PDB file of N, CA and C in Angstrom:
ATOM      1  N   UNK A   1      23.843  15.118   8.252  1.00  0.00           N
ATOM      2  CA  UNK A   1      22.452  14.681   8.657  1.00  0.00           C
ATOM      3  C   UNK A   1      22.721  13.493   9.609  1.00  0.00           C
ATOM      4  N   UNK A   2      22.009  13.415  10.751  1.00  0.00           N
ATOM      5  CA  UNK A   2      22.355  12.276  11.707  1.00  0.00           C
ATOM      6  C   UNK A   2      21.417  11.242  11.224  1.00  0.00           C
ATOM      7  N   UNK A   3      21.867  10.087  11.807  1.00  0.00           N
ATOM      8  CA  UNK A   3      21.015   8.687  11.423  1.00  0.00           C
ATOM      9  C   UNK A   3      19.529   8.957  11.662  1.00  0.00           C
ATOM     10  N   UNK A   4      19.196   9.453  12.792  1.00  0.00           N
ATOM     11  CA  UNK A   4      17.810   9.745  13.085  1.00  0.00           C
ATOM     12  C   UNK A   4      17.089  10.488  12.097  1.00  0.00           C
ATOM     13  N   UNK A   5      17.707  11.659  11.646  1.00  0.00           N
ATOM     14  CA  UNK A   5      17.150  12.444  10.517  1.00  0.00           C
ATOM     15  C   UNK A   5      16.803  11.606   9.239  1.00  0.00           C
ATOM     16  N   UNK A   6      17.915  10.685   9.017  1.00  0.00           N
ATOM     17  CA  UNK A   6      17.733   9.898   7.653  1.00  0.00           C
ATOM     18  C   UNK A   6      16.510   8.929   7.766  1.00  0.00           C
ATOM     19  N   UNK A   7      16.404   8.345   8.874  1.00  0.00           N
ATOM     20  CA  UNK A   7      15.320   7.238   8.964  1.00  0.00           C
ATOM     21  C   UNK A   7      14.113   8.170   9.103  1.00  0.00           C
ATOM     22  N   UNK A   8      13.928   9.164   9.775  1.00  0.00           N
ATOM     23  CA  UNK A   8      12.648  10.022   9.569  1.00  0.00           C
ATOM     24  C   UNK A   8      12.383  10.413   8.235  1.00  0.00           C
ATOM     25  N   UNK A   9      13.211  10.869   7.535  1.00  0.00           N
ATOM     26  CA  UNK A   9      13.068  11.176   6.046  1.00  0.00           C
ATOM     27  C   UNK A   9      12.566   9.849   5.192  1.00  0.00           C
ATOM     28  N   UNK A  10      13.211   8.900   5.469  1.00  0.00           N
ATOM     29  CA  UNK A  10      12.907   7.625   4.751  1.00  0.00           C
ATOM     30  C   UNK A  10      11.517   7.137   5.202  1.00  0.00           C
ATOM     31  N   UNK A  11      11.194   7.158   6.478  1.00  0.00           N
ATOM     32  CA  UNK A  11       9.824   6.867   6.912  1.00  0.00           C
ATOM     33  C   UNK A  11       8.729   7.710   6.259  1.00  0.00           C
ATOM     34  N   UNK A  12       9.122   8.934   6.209  1.00  0.00           N
ATOM     35  CA  UNK A  12       8.097   9.961   5.566  1.00  0.00           C
ATOM     36  C   UNK A  12       7.978   9.553   3.962  1.00  0.00           C
ATOM     37  N   UNK A  13       8.996   9.113   3.440  1.00  0.00           N
ATOM     38  CA  UNK A  13       8.884   8.799   1.971  1.00  0.00           C
ATOM     39  C   UNK A  13       7.931   7.452   1.958  1.00  0.00           C
ATOM     40  N   UNK A  14       8.169   6.750   2.758  1.00  0.00           N
ATOM     41  CA  UNK A  14       7.429   5.553   2.757  1.00  0.00           C
ATOM     42  C   UNK A  14       5.847   5.763   2.874  1.00  0.00           C
ATOM     43  N   UNK A  15       5.551   6.476   3.776  1.00  0.00           N
ATOM     44  CA  UNK A  15       4.138   6.921   3.973  1.00  0.00           C
ATOM     45  C   UNK A  15       3.619   7.732   2.932  1.00  0.00           C
ATOM     46  N   UNK A  16       4.586   8.613   2.311  1.00  0.00           N
ATOM     47  CA  UNK A  16       4.143   9.311   1.122  1.00  0.00           C
ATOM     48  C   UNK A  16       3.799   8.252  -0.017  1.00  0.00           C
ATOM     49  N   UNK A  17       4.479   7.263  -0.185  1.00  0.00           N
ATOM     50  CA  UNK A  17       4.173   6.466  -1.242  1.00  0.00           C
ATOM     51  C   UNK A  17       2.928   5.519  -0.929  1.00  0.00           C
ATOM     52  N   UNK A  18       2.498   5.365   0.349  1.00  0.00           N
ATOM     53  CA  UNK A  18       1.385   4.813   0.617  1.00  0.00           C
ATOM     54  C   UNK A  18       0.127   5.621   0.665  1.00  0.00           C
ATOM     55  N   UNK A  19       0.339   6.909   0.478  1.00  0.00           N
ATOM     56  CA  UNK A  19      -0.506   7.979   0.523  1.00  0.00           C
ATOM     57  C   UNK A  19      -1.542   8.065  -0.659  1.00  0.00           C
ATOM     58  N   UNK A  20      -1.861   7.002  -1.250  1.00  0.00           N
ATOM     59  CA  UNK A  20      -2.956   7.016  -2.370  1.00  0.00           C
ATOM     60  C   UNK A  20      -3.744   5.918  -2.384  1.00  0.00           C
ATOM     61  N   UNK A  21      -5.019   5.870  -2.437  1.00  0.00           N
ATOM     62  CA  UNK A  21      -5.817   4.621  -2.308  1.00  0.00           C
ATOM     63  C   UNK A  21      -5.653   3.584  -3.364  1.00  0.00           C
ATOM     64  N   UNK A  22      -5.146   4.038  -4.500  1.00  0.00           N
ATOM     65  CA  UNK A  22      -4.847   3.004  -5.589  1.00  0.00           C
ATOM     66  C   UNK A  22      -3.691   2.152  -5.003  1.00  0.00           C
ATOM     67  N   UNK A  23      -2.722   2.788  -4.596  1.00  0.00           N
ATOM     68  CA  UNK A  23      -1.425   2.032  -4.034  1.00  0.00           C
ATOM     69  C   UNK A  23      -1.771   0.977  -2.943  1.00  0.00           C
ATOM     70  N   UNK A  24      -2.506   1.520  -2.084  1.00  0.00           N
ATOM     71  CA  UNK A  24      -3.079   0.804  -0.754  1.00  0.00           C
ATOM     72  C   UNK A  24      -3.810  -0.399  -1.435  1.00  0.00           C
ATOM     73  N   UNK A  25      -4.597  -0.224  -2.425  1.00  0.00           N
ATOM     74  CA  UNK A  25      -5.480  -1.275  -3.060  1.00  0.00           C
ATOM     75  C   UNK A  25      -4.478  -2.315  -3.689  1.00  0.00           C
ATOM     76  N   UNK A  26      -3.539  -1.789  -4.348  1.00  0.00           N
ATOM     77  CA  UNK A  26      -2.577  -2.792  -5.102  1.00  0.00           C
ATOM     78  C   UNK A  26      -1.947  -3.642  -3.893  1.00  0.00           C
ATOM     79  N   UNK A  27      -1.408  -3.016  -2.946  1.00  0.00           N
ATOM     80  CA  UNK A  27      -0.812  -3.810  -1.778  1.00  0.00           C
ATOM     81  C   UNK A  27      -1.737  -4.811  -1.071  1.00  0.00           C
ATOM     82  N   UNK A  28      -3.021  -4.307  -0.934  1.00  0.00           N
ATOM     83  CA  UNK A  28      -3.861  -5.320  -0.526  1.00  0.00           C
ATOM     84  C   UNK A  28      -4.380  -6.567  -1.470  1.00  0.00           C
ATOM     85  N   UNK A  29      -4.270  -6.270  -2.736  1.00  0.00           N
ATOM     86  CA  UNK A  29      -4.393  -7.048  -3.663  1.00  0.00           C
ATOM     87  C   UNK A  29      -3.273  -8.234  -3.692  1.00  0.00           C
ATOM     88  N   UNK A  30      -2.075  -7.719  -3.272  1.00  0.00           N
ATOM     89  CA  UNK A  30      -0.874  -8.696  -3.296  1.00  0.00           C
ATOM     90  C   UNK A  30      -0.749  -9.415  -1.892  1.00  0.00           C
ATOM     91  N   UNK A  31      -1.775  -9.174  -0.975  1.00  0.00           N
ATOM     92  CA  UNK A  31      -1.509  -9.700   0.327  1.00  0.00           C
ATOM     93  C   UNK A  31      -1.407 -11.159   0.237  1.00  0.00           C
ATOM     94  N   UNK A  32      -2.191 -11.888  -0.617  1.00  0.00           N
ATOM     95  CA  UNK A  32      -2.134 -13.458  -0.658  1.00  0.00           C
ATOM     96  C   UNK A  32      -1.268 -14.110  -1.586  1.00  0.00           C
ATOM     97  N   UNK A  33      -0.312 -13.239  -2.207  1.00  0.00           N
ATOM     98  CA  UNK A  33       0.674 -13.783  -3.037  1.00  0.00           C
ATOM     99  C   UNK A  33       0.674 -13.083  -4.401  1.00  0.00           C
ATOM    100  N   UNK A  34       1.262 -13.804  -5.289  1.00  0.00           N
ATOM    101  CA  UNK A  34       1.595 -13.107  -6.684  1.00  0.00           C
ATOM    102  C   UNK A  34       0.420 -12.903  -7.339  1.00  0.00           C
ATOM    103  N   UNK A  35       0.286 -11.905  -8.133  1.00  0.00           N
ATOM    104  CA  UNK A  35      -0.771 -11.573  -9.095  1.00  0.00           C
ATOM    105  C   UNK A  35      -0.158 -10.983 -10.367  1.00  0.00           C
ATOM    106  N   UNK A  36      -0.975 -11.345 -11.452  1.00  0.00           N
ATOM    107  CA  UNK A  36      -0.459 -10.821 -12.769  1.00  0.00           C
ATOM    108  C   UNK A  36      -1.117  -9.467 -12.956  1.00  0.00           C
ATOM    109  N   UNK A  37      -0.371  -8.451 -13.518  1.00  0.00           N
ATOM    110  CA  UNK A  37      -0.856  -7.255 -13.778  1.00  0.00           C
ATOM    111  C   UNK A  37      -2.032  -7.180 -14.548  1.00  0.00           C
ATOM    112  N   UNK A  38      -2.242  -8.210 -15.365  1.00  0.00           N
ATOM    113  CA  UNK A  38      -3.519  -8.308 -16.203  1.00  0.00           C
ATOM    114  C   UNK A  38      -4.796  -8.576 -15.253  1.00  0.00           C
ATOM    115  N   UNK A  39      -4.635  -9.276 -14.230  1.00  0.00           N
ATOM    116  CA  UNK A  39      -5.659  -9.606 -13.288  1.00  0.00           C
ATOM    117  C   UNK A  39      -5.857  -8.451 -12.493  1.00  0.00           C
ATOM    118  N   UNK A  40      -5.082  -7.769 -11.995  1.00  0.00           N
ATOM    119  CA  UNK A  40      -5.043  -6.539 -11.012  1.00  0.00           C
ATOM    120  C   UNK A  40      -5.787  -5.378 -11.855  1.00  0.00           C
ATOM    121  N   UNK A  41      -5.397  -5.117 -13.115  1.00  0.00           N
ATOM    122  CA  UNK A  41      -6.008  -3.991 -13.809  1.00  0.00           C
ATOM    123  C   UNK A  41      -7.536  -4.198 -13.989  1.00  0.00           C
ATOM    124  N   UNK A  42      -7.911  -5.485 -14.094  1.00  0.00           N
ATOM    125  CA  UNK A  42      -9.524  -5.703 -14.150  1.00  0.00           C
ATOM    126  C   UNK A  42     -10.350  -5.333 -12.980  1.00  0.00           C
ATOM    127  N   UNK A  43      -9.493  -5.250 -11.867  1.00  0.00           N
ATOM    128  CA  UNK A  43     -10.148  -4.989 -10.576  1.00  0.00           C
ATOM    129  C   UNK A  43     -10.077  -3.364 -10.093  1.00  0.00           C
ATOM    130  N   UNK A  44      -9.441  -2.718 -10.895  1.00  0.00           N
ATOM    131  CA  UNK A  44      -9.071  -1.293 -10.524  1.00  0.00           C
ATOM    132  C   UNK A  44      -9.620  -0.672 -11.726  1.00  0.00           C
ATOM    133  N   UNK A  45     -10.600   0.346 -11.480  1.00  0.00           N
ATOM    134  CA  UNK A  45     -11.220   1.144 -12.680  1.00  0.00           C
ATOM    135  C   UNK A  45     -10.311   2.427 -13.018  1.00  0.00           C
ATOM    136  N   UNK A  46      -9.026   2.143 -13.451  1.00  0.00           N
ATOM    137  CA  UNK A  46      -8.240   3.271 -13.825  1.00  0.00           C
ATOM    138  C   UNK A  46      -7.659   2.893 -15.200  1.00  0.00           C
ATOM    139  N   UNK A  47      -7.130   4.014 -15.757  1.00  0.00           N
ATOM    140  CA  UNK A  47      -6.357   3.721 -17.188  1.00  0.00           C
ATOM    141  C   UNK A  47      -5.138   2.855 -16.756  1.00  0.00           C
ATOM    142  N   UNK A  48      -4.645   2.140 -17.802  1.00  0.00           N
ATOM    143  CA  UNK A  48      -3.514   1.128 -17.712  1.00  0.00           C
ATOM    144  C   UNK A  48      -2.250   2.035 -17.407  1.00  0.00           C
ATOM    145  N   UNK A  49      -2.162   3.163 -18.033  1.00  0.00           N
ATOM    146  CA  UNK A  49      -0.941   3.997 -17.855  1.00  0.00           C
ATOM    147  C   UNK A  49      -0.854   4.525 -16.443  1.00  0.00           C
ATOM    148  N   UNK A  50      -2.058   4.902 -15.801  1.00  0.00           N
ATOM    149  CA  UNK A  50      -2.132   5.459 -14.488  1.00  0.00           C
ATOM    150  C   UNK A  50      -1.765   4.288 -13.610  1.00  0.00           C
ATOM    151  N   UNK A  51      -2.234   3.231 -13.859  1.00  0.00           N
ATOM    152  CA  UNK A  51      -1.995   1.845 -12.863  1.00  0.00           C
ATOM    153  C   UNK A  51      -0.444   1.712 -12.964  1.00  0.00           C
ATOM    154  N   UNK A  52       0.059   1.795 -14.102  1.00  0.00           N
ATOM    155  CA  UNK A  52       1.503   1.309 -14.249  1.00  0.00           C
ATOM    156  C   UNK A  52       2.346   2.458 -13.452  1.00  0.00           C
ATOM    157  N   UNK A  53       1.875   3.553 -13.393  1.00  0.00           N
ATOM    158  CA  UNK A  53       2.724   4.571 -12.549  1.00  0.00           C
ATOM    159  C   UNK A  53       2.530   4.254 -11.275  1.00  0.00           C
ATOM    160  N   UNK A  54       1.363   3.864 -10.672  1.00  0.00           N
ATOM    161  CA  UNK A  54       1.262   3.412  -9.153  1.00  0.00           C
ATOM    162  C   UNK A  54       2.217   2.269  -9.024  1.00  0.00           C
ATOM    163  N   UNK A  55       2.170   1.251  -9.879  1.00  0.00           N
ATOM    164  CA  UNK A  55       3.134   0.061  -9.680  1.00  0.00           C
ATOM    165  C   UNK A  55       4.492   0.590  -9.711  1.00  0.00           C
ATOM    166  N   UNK A  56       4.827   1.525 -10.496  1.00  0.00           N
ATOM    167  CA  UNK A  56       6.242   1.941 -10.590  1.00  0.00           C
ATOM    168  C   UNK A  56       6.730   2.689  -9.279  1.00  0.00           C
ATOM    169  N   UNK A  57       5.875   3.407  -8.678  1.00  0.00           N
ATOM    170  CA  UNK A  57       6.046   4.115  -7.477  1.00  0.00           C
ATOM    171  C   UNK A  57       6.367   3.052  -6.288  1.00  0.00           C
ATOM    172  N   UNK A  58       5.377   2.037  -6.237  1.00  0.00           N
ATOM    173  CA  UNK A  58       5.526   1.094  -5.221  1.00  0.00           C
ATOM    174  C   UNK A  58       6.951   0.310  -5.494  1.00  0.00           C
ATOM    175  N   UNK A  59       7.277   0.066  -6.663  1.00  0.00           N
ATOM    176  CA  UNK A  59       8.409  -0.726  -6.897  1.00  0.00           C
ATOM    177  C   UNK A  59       9.687   0.072  -6.518  1.00  0.00           C
ATOM    178  N   UNK A  60       9.719   1.312  -6.930  1.00  0.00           N
ATOM    179  CA  UNK A  60      10.801   2.187  -6.771  1.00  0.00           C
ATOM    180  C   UNK A  60      10.950   2.304  -5.187  1.00  0.00           C
ATOM    181  N   UNK A  61       9.850   2.353  -4.353  1.00  0.00           N
ATOM    182  CA  UNK A  61      10.035   2.462  -2.903  1.00  0.00           C
ATOM    183  C   UNK A  61      10.525   0.926  -2.472  1.00  0.00           C
ATOM    184  N   UNK A  62      10.274   0.012  -3.129  1.00  0.00           N
ATOM    185  CA  UNK A  62      10.859  -1.285  -2.624  1.00  0.00           C
ATOM    186  C   UNK A  62       9.827  -2.190  -2.003  1.00  0.00           C
ATOM    187  N   UNK A  63       8.532  -1.755  -2.161  1.00  0.00           N
ATOM    188  CA  UNK A  63       7.437  -2.439  -1.618  1.00  0.00           C
ATOM    189  C   UNK A  63       7.021  -3.823  -2.182  1.00  0.00           C
ATOM    190  N   UNK A  64       7.083  -3.645  -3.627  1.00  0.00           N
ATOM    191  CA  UNK A  64       6.756  -4.769  -4.415  1.00  0.00           C
ATOM    192  C   UNK A  64       7.946  -5.141  -5.334  1.00  0.00           C
ATOM    193  N   UNK A  65       7.826  -6.464  -5.935  1.00  0.00           N
ATOM    194  CA  UNK A  65       8.766  -6.690  -6.896  1.00  0.00           C
ATOM    195  C   UNK A  65       8.023  -7.329  -7.957  1.00  0.00           C
ATOM    196  N   UNK A  66       8.754  -7.720  -9.182  1.00  0.00           N
ATOM    197  CA  UNK A  66       8.121  -8.208 -10.279  1.00  0.00           C
ATOM    198  C   UNK A  66       9.042  -9.214 -11.102  1.00  0.00           C
ATOM    199  N   UNK A  67       8.339  -9.974 -12.032  1.00  0.00           N
ATOM    200  CA  UNK A  67       9.068 -10.699 -12.990  1.00  0.00           C
ATOM    201  C   UNK A  67       8.268 -10.872 -14.068  1.00  0.00           C
ATOM    202  N   UNK A  68       8.965 -11.202 -15.298  1.00  0.00           N
ATOM    203  CA  UNK A  68       8.018 -11.462 -16.378  1.00  0.00           C
ATOM    204  C   UNK A  68       7.909 -12.971 -16.580  1.00  0.00           C
ATOM    205  N   UNK A  69       6.759 -13.344 -17.032  1.00  0.00           N
ATOM    206  CA  UNK A  69       6.311 -14.664 -17.236  1.00  0.00           C
ATOM    207  C   UNK A  69       5.672 -14.726 -18.728  1.00  0.00           C
ATOM    208  N   UNK A  70       6.622 -14.927 -19.636  1.00  0.00           N
ATOM    209  CA  UNK A  70       6.146 -14.765 -21.142  1.00  0.00           C
ATOM    210  C   UNK A  70       5.704 -13.370 -21.262  1.00  0.00           C
ATOM    211  N   UNK A  71       4.360 -13.126 -21.791  1.00  0.00           N
ATOM    212  CA  UNK A  71       3.930 -11.743 -21.921  1.00  0.00           C
ATOM    213  C   UNK A  71       3.403 -11.164 -20.640  1.00  0.00           C
ATOM    214  N   UNK A  72       3.247 -11.923 -19.578  1.00  0.00           N
ATOM    215  CA  UNK A  72       2.649 -11.463 -18.420  1.00  0.00           C
ATOM    216  C   UNK A  72       3.807 -10.907 -17.414  1.00  0.00           C
ATOM    217  N   UNK A  73       3.235  -9.968 -16.687  1.00  0.00           N
ATOM    218  CA  UNK A  73       4.249  -9.453 -15.505  1.00  0.00           C
ATOM    219  C   UNK A  73       3.465  -9.826 -14.207  1.00  0.00           C
ATOM    220  N   UNK A  74       4.350 -10.573 -13.445  1.00  0.00           N
ATOM    221  CA  UNK A  74       3.771 -10.790 -12.117  1.00  0.00           C
ATOM    222  C   UNK A  74       4.291  -9.933 -10.991  1.00  0.00           C
ATOM    223  N   UNK A  75       3.525  -9.618 -10.115  1.00  0.00           N
ATOM    224  CA  UNK A  75       3.933  -8.796  -9.026  1.00  0.00           C
ATOM    225  C   UNK A  75       3.659  -9.487  -7.604  1.00  0.00           C
ATOM    226  N   UNK A  76       4.498  -9.098  -6.708  1.00  0.00           N
ATOM    227  CA  UNK A  76       4.292  -9.676  -5.385  1.00  0.00           C
ATOM    228  C   UNK A  76       4.787  -8.690  -4.234  1.00  0.00           C
ATOM    229  N   UNK A  77       4.589  -8.653  -2.987  1.00  0.00           N
ATOM    230  CA  UNK A  77       5.011  -7.943  -2.047  1.00  0.00           C
ATOM    231  C   UNK A  77       6.390  -8.288  -1.804  1.00  0.00           C
ATOM    232  N   UNK A  78       7.369  -7.316  -1.654  1.00  0.00           N
ATOM    233  CA  UNK A  78       8.674  -7.636  -1.359  1.00  0.00           C
ATOM    234  C   UNK A  78       8.947  -7.995   0.112  1.00  0.00           C
ATOM    235  N   UNK A  79       8.162  -7.467   0.903  1.00  0.00           N
ATOM    236  CA  UNK A  79       8.230  -7.834   2.431  1.00  0.00           C
ATOM    237  C   UNK A  79       7.029  -8.051   3.085  1.00  0.00           C
ATOM    238  N   UNK A  80       6.865  -9.183   3.779  1.00  0.00           N
ATOM    239  CA  UNK A  80       5.739  -9.521   4.516  1.00  0.00           C
ATOM    240  C   UNK A  80       5.233  -8.411   5.484  1.00  0.00           C
ATOM    241  N   UNK A  81       6.236  -7.646   5.876  1.00  0.00           N
ATOM    242  CA  UNK A  81       5.851  -6.596   6.873  1.00  0.00           C
ATOM    243  C   UNK A  81       5.047  -5.599   6.254  1.00  0.00           C
ATOM    244  N   UNK A  82       4.986  -5.503   4.953  1.00  0.00           N
ATOM    245  CA  UNK A  82       3.829  -4.594   4.406  1.00  0.00           C
ATOM    246  C   UNK A  82       2.472  -4.876   4.658  1.00  0.00           C
ATOM    247  N   UNK A  83       2.288  -6.169   5.018  1.00  0.00           N
ATOM    248  CA  UNK A  83       0.829  -6.471   5.463  1.00  0.00           C
ATOM    249  C   UNK A  83       0.650  -6.026   6.891  1.00  0.00           C
ATOM    250  N   UNK A  84       1.654  -6.139   7.569  1.00  0.00           N
ATOM    251  CA  UNK A  84       1.595  -5.699   8.888  1.00  0.00           C
ATOM    252  C   UNK A  84       1.394  -4.094   8.957  1.00  0.00           C
ATOM    253  N   UNK A  85       2.041  -3.361   8.181  1.00  0.00           N
ATOM    254  CA  UNK A  85       1.959  -1.871   8.109  1.00  0.00           C
ATOM    255  C   UNK A  85       0.505  -1.531   7.822  1.00  0.00           C
ATOM    256  N   UNK A  86      -0.073  -2.205   6.767  1.00  0.00           N
ATOM    257  CA  UNK A  86      -1.491  -1.894   6.333  1.00  0.00           C
ATOM    258  C   UNK A  86      -2.383  -2.430   7.479  1.00  0.00           C
ATOM    259  N   UNK A  87      -2.074  -3.542   8.096  1.00  0.00           N
ATOM    260  CA  UNK A  87      -2.875  -3.869   9.334  1.00  0.00           C
ATOM    261  C   UNK A  87      -2.823  -3.007  10.499  1.00  0.00           C
ATOM    262  N   UNK A  88      -1.687  -2.361  10.672  1.00  0.00           N
ATOM    263  CA  UNK A  88      -1.530  -1.470  11.741  1.00  0.00           C
ATOM    264  C   UNK A  88      -2.320  -0.196  11.488  1.00  0.00           C
ATOM    265  N   UNK A  89      -2.278   0.263  10.366  1.00  0.00           N
ATOM    266  CA  UNK A  89      -3.085   1.360   9.850  1.00  0.00           C
ATOM    267  C   UNK A  89      -4.563   1.191   9.903  1.00  0.00           C
ATOM    268  N   UNK A  90      -5.062  -0.066   9.535  1.00  0.00           N
ATOM    269  CA  UNK A  90      -6.483  -0.429   9.866  1.00  0.00           C
ATOM    270  C   UNK A  90      -6.872  -0.461  11.288  1.00  0.00           C
ATOM    271  N   UNK A  91      -5.895  -1.052  11.982  1.00  0.00           N
ATOM    272  CA  UNK A  91      -6.198  -1.054  13.529  1.00  0.00           C
ATOM    273  C   UNK A  91      -6.280   0.348  14.050  1.00  0.00           C
ATOM    274  N   UNK A  92      -5.410   1.178  13.679  1.00  0.00           N
ATOM    275  CA  UNK A  92      -5.398   2.716  14.193  1.00  0.00           C
ATOM    276  C   UNK A  92      -6.803   3.232  13.714  1.00  0.00           C
ATOM    277  N   UNK A  93      -7.105   3.027  12.448  1.00  0.00           N
ATOM    278  CA  UNK A  93      -8.470   3.674  12.051  1.00  0.00           C
ATOM    279  C   UNK A  93      -9.653   3.088  12.853  1.00  0.00           C
ATOM    280  N   UNK A  94      -9.567   1.943  13.210  1.00  0.00           N
ATOM    281  CA  UNK A  94     -10.705   1.296  14.002  1.00  0.00           C
ATOM    282  C   UNK A  94     -10.623   1.778  15.322  1.00  0.00           C
ATOM    283  N   UNK A  95      -9.604   1.999  15.832  1.00  0.00           N
ATOM    284  CA  UNK A  95      -9.468   2.750  17.325  1.00  0.00           C
ATOM    285  C   UNK A  95      -9.958   4.095  17.208  1.00  0.00           C
ATOM    286  N   UNK A  96      -9.689   4.879  16.010  1.00  0.00           N
ATOM    287  CA  UNK A  96     -10.148   6.180  16.077  1.00  0.00           C
ATOM    288  C   UNK A  96     -11.598   6.430  15.730  1.00  0.00           C
ATOM    289  N   UNK A  97     -12.150   5.438  15.145  1.00  0.00           N
ATOM    290  CA  UNK A  97     -13.655   5.196  14.882  1.00  0.00           C
ATOM    291  C   UNK A  97     -14.251   4.882  16.124  1.00  0.00           C
ATOM    292  N   UNK A  98     -13.683   4.013  16.984  1.00  0.00           N
ATOM    293  CA  UNK A  98     -14.246   3.592  18.353  1.00  0.00           C
ATOM    294  C   UNK A  98     -14.425   4.900  19.225  1.00  0.00           C
ATOM    295  N   UNK A  99     -13.111   5.488  19.282  1.00  0.00           N
ATOM    296  CA  UNK A  99     -13.035   6.637  20.128  1.00  0.00           C
ATOM    297  C   UNK A  99     -14.196   7.621  19.737  1.00  0.00           C
ATOM    298  N   UNK A 100     -14.166   7.873  18.433  1.00  0.00           N
ATOM    299  CA  UNK A 100     -15.311   8.955  18.005  1.00  0.00           C
ATOM    300  C   UNK A 100     -16.733   8.459  18.310  1.00  0.00           C
ATOM    301  N   UNK A 101     -16.896   7.245  18.334  1.00  0.00           N
ATOM    302  CA  UNK A 101     -18.369   6.742  18.606  1.00  0.00           C
ATOM    303  C   UNK A 101     -18.467   6.970  20.149  1.00  0.00           C
ATOM    304  N   UNK A 102     -17.471   6.728  20.942  1.00  0.00           N
ATOM    305  CA  UNK A 102     -17.581   7.041  22.290  1.00  0.00           C
ATOM    306  C   UNK A 102     -17.914   8.361  22.643  1.00  0.00           C
ATOM    307  N   UNK A 103     -17.233   9.314  21.992  1.00  0.00           N
ATOM    308  CA  UNK A 103     -17.488  10.723  22.124  1.00  0.00           C
ATOM    309  C   UNK A 103     -18.848  11.088  21.683  1.00  0.00           C
ATOM    310  N   UNK A 104     -19.383  10.522  20.608  1.00  0.00           N
ATOM    311  CA  UNK A 104     -20.755  10.819  20.206  1.00  0.00           C
ATOM    312  C   UNK A 104     -21.757  10.389  21.145  1.00  0.00           C
ATOM    313  N   UNK A 105     -21.572   9.193  21.652  1.00  0.00           N
ATOM    314  CA  UNK A 105     -22.503   8.663  22.791  1.00  0.00           C
ATOM    315  C   UNK A 105     -22.473   9.532  24.046  1.00  0.00           C
ATOM    316  N   UNK A 106     -21.281  10.153  24.321  1.00  0.00           N
ATOM    317  CA  UNK A 106     -21.203  11.026  25.547  1.00  0.00           C
ATOM    318  C   UNK A 106     -22.147  12.412  25.160  1.00  0.00           C
ATOM    319  N   UNK A 107     -22.026  12.756  23.930  1.00  0.00           N
ATOM    320  CA  UNK A 107     -22.737  14.015  23.618  1.00  0.00           C
ATOM    321  C   UNK A 107     -24.063  13.840  23.469  1.00  0.00           C
ATOM    322  N   UNK A 108     -24.673  12.780  23.331  1.00  0.00           N
ATOM    323  CA  UNK A 108     -26.042  12.534  23.089  1.00  0.00           C
ATOM    324  C   UNK A 108     -26.897  12.608  24.453  1.00  0.00           C
TER     325      UNK A 108
END
């Protein structure tokens, strides 16, 4: 396998990890810094075991990291570029919506 194929595969795996709304929400929650899992679980309406699975996938992908603080587990973004990646996705969505609105105006 050539280097380009490896990069393509790893990039696809990254996007696959980002392919769930709960995981995107977790990353957004960590935009401003460290958060205790106990705080985050209150903001997301899912079972704790399901939440833990999403955290595990994000950690396995290397997008977040954690440490224990007594009984609490604290999470943070492993790379600031994760914010840029989400921002780029949001910008793309905004551009797509703008394009669609332009087409709708043309059709009216």
